[in-house]
Amino acid sequence: MKLSARNQLKGTVIAIEKGAVNSTVRIDVGNGAVITSMITNAAVADLGLTEGATAYAIVKASDVMVAVD
């Protein structure tokens, strides 16, 4: 797999919560960090995602917001 995105985090799928159209997928990327993504149910099926499977969380963003109280 070759991508232009530099933020590629390999991890383990720990949960998939399916909705009517989209699924929330949680990937444990280690050190207590969990990435949550919402993708279509069709994408979950096409990728063959299941709990315990290895997957990559790939982050491509032009802006990252930071806030404090």
C-alpha atoms as a PDB file:
ATOM      1  CA  MET A   1       0.000   0.000   0.000  1.00  0.00           C
ATOM      2  CA  LYS A   2       1.429   3.377  -1.019  1.00  0.00           C
ATOM      3  CA  LEU A   3      -0.285   6.591   0.007  1.00  0.00           C
ATOM      4  CA  SER A   4       0.645  10.252   0.077  1.00  0.00           C
ATOM      5  CA  ALA A   5      -0.758  10.600   3.599  1.00  0.00           C
ATOM      6  CA  ARG A   6       2.068  10.497   6.133  1.00  0.00           C
ATOM      7  CA  ASN A   7      -0.052   9.777   9.189  1.00  0.00           C
ATOM      8  CA  GLN A   8      -0.594   6.032   8.864  1.00  0.00           C
ATOM      9  CA  LEU A   9      -1.296   4.366  12.201  1.00  0.00           C
ATOM     10  CA  LYS A  10      -1.357   0.558  12.255  1.00  0.00           C
ATOM     11  CA  GLY A  11      -3.577  -1.017  14.855  1.00  0.00           C
ATOM     12  CA  THR A  12      -6.224  -3.555  15.790  1.00  0.00           C
ATOM     13  CA  VAL A  13      -9.954  -3.128  15.247  1.00  0.00           C
ATOM     14  CA  ILE A  14     -11.505  -3.282  18.715  1.00  0.00           C
ATOM     15  CA  ALA A  15     -15.117  -2.382  17.896  1.00  0.00           C
ATOM     16  CA  ILE A  16     -17.486  -1.964  14.970  1.00  0.00           C
ATOM     17  CA  GLU A  17     -20.878  -0.418  15.681  1.00  0.00           C
ATOM     18  CA  LYS A  18     -23.138  -0.643  12.637  1.00  0.00           C
ATOM     19  CA  GLY A  19     -25.878   1.897  12.040  1.00  0.00           C
ATOM     20  CA  ALA A  20     -28.443   2.144   9.271  1.00  0.00           C
ATOM     21  CA  VAL A  21     -25.918   3.486   6.723  1.00  0.00           C
ATOM     22  CA  ASN A  22     -22.595   4.053   8.517  1.00  0.00           C
ATOM     23  CA  SER A  23     -20.450   2.176  11.000  1.00  0.00           C
ATOM     24  CA  THR A  24     -18.260   3.539  13.777  1.00  0.00           C
ATOM     25  CA  VAL A  25     -14.932   1.714  13.707  1.00  0.00           C
ATOM     26  CA  ARG A  26     -12.513   1.916  16.641  1.00  0.00           C
ATOM     27  CA  ILE A  27      -8.842   1.044  16.090  1.00  0.00           C
ATOM     28  CA  ASP A  28      -6.411   0.584  18.979  1.00  0.00           C
ATOM     29  CA  VAL A  29      -3.097   2.009  17.741  1.00  0.00           C
ATOM     30  CA  GLY A  30      -1.177   1.282  20.947  1.00  0.00           C
ATOM     31  CA  ASN A  31       0.004   3.174  24.019  1.00  0.00           C
ATOM     32  CA  GLY A  32      -3.610   3.672  25.118  1.00  0.00           C
ATOM     33  CA  ALA A  33      -4.588   5.543  21.934  1.00  0.00           C
ATOM     34  CA  VAL A  34      -7.770   4.606  20.100  1.00  0.00           C
ATOM     35  CA  ILE A  35      -8.749   6.181  16.761  1.00  0.00           C
ATOM     36  CA  THR A  36     -12.459   6.327  15.950  1.00  0.00           C
ATOM     37  CA  SER A  37     -13.697   6.637  12.372  1.00  0.00           C
ATOM     38  CA  MET A  38     -17.118   6.653  10.754  1.00  0.00           C
ATOM     39  CA  ILE A  39     -17.259   4.872   7.402  1.00  0.00           C
ATOM     40  CA  THR A  40     -20.057   3.399   5.339  1.00  0.00           C
ATOM     41  CA  ASN A  41     -21.332  -0.109   6.024  1.00  0.00           C
ATOM     42  CA  ALA A  42     -20.389  -0.914   2.423  1.00  0.00           C
ATOM     43  CA  ALA A  43     -16.771   0.087   3.158  1.00  0.00           C
ATOM     44  CA  VAL A  44     -16.723  -2.158   6.245  1.00  0.00           C
ATOM     45  CA  ALA A  45     -17.885  -5.062   4.079  1.00  0.00           C
ATOM     46  CA  ASP A  46     -15.520  -4.257   1.174  1.00  0.00           C
ATOM     47  CA  LEU A  47     -12.532  -4.090   3.541  1.00  0.00           C
ATOM     48  CA  GLY A  48     -13.587  -7.272   5.345  1.00  0.00           C
ATOM     49  CA  LEU A  49     -13.280  -5.497   8.712  1.00  0.00           C
ATOM     50  CA  THR A  50     -13.920  -7.566  11.812  1.00  0.00           C
ATOM     51  CA  GLU A  51     -13.031  -7.098  15.461  1.00  0.00           C
ATOM     52  CA  GLY A  52      -9.466  -8.278  16.024  1.00  0.00           C
ATOM     53  CA  ALA A  53      -8.389  -7.558  12.445  1.00  0.00           C
ATOM     54  CA  THR A  54      -5.321  -5.454  11.669  1.00  0.00           C
ATOM     55  CA  ALA A  55      -6.162  -2.145   9.995  1.00  0.00           C
ATOM     56  CA  TYR A  56      -4.638   1.268   9.390  1.00  0.00           C
ATOM     57  CA  ALA A  57      -6.056   4.599  10.522  1.00  0.00           C
ATOM     58  CA  ILE A  58      -4.914   7.075   7.877  1.00  0.00           C
ATOM     59  CA  VAL A  59      -5.221  10.771   8.653  1.00  0.00           C
ATOM     60  CA  LYS A  60      -5.047  13.330   5.867  1.00  0.00           C
ATOM     61  CA  ALA A  61      -6.000  16.851   6.876  1.00  0.00           C
ATOM     62  CA  SER A  62      -5.020  20.302   5.770  1.00  0.00           C
ATOM     63  CA  ASP A  63      -5.971  21.823   9.124  1.00  0.00           C
ATOM     64  CA  VAL A  64      -5.746  20.626  12.702  1.00  0.00           C
ATOM     65  CA  MET A  65      -7.551  22.659  15.342  1.00  0.00           C
ATOM     66  CA  VAL A  66      -6.281  22.974  18.914  1.00  0.00           C
ATOM     67  CA  ALA A  67      -8.346  24.334  21.802  1.00  0.00           C
ATOM     68  CA  VAL A  68      -8.013  24.896  25.521  1.00  0.00           C
ATOM     69  CA  ASP A  69     -10.474  25.880  28.259  1.00  0.00           C
END
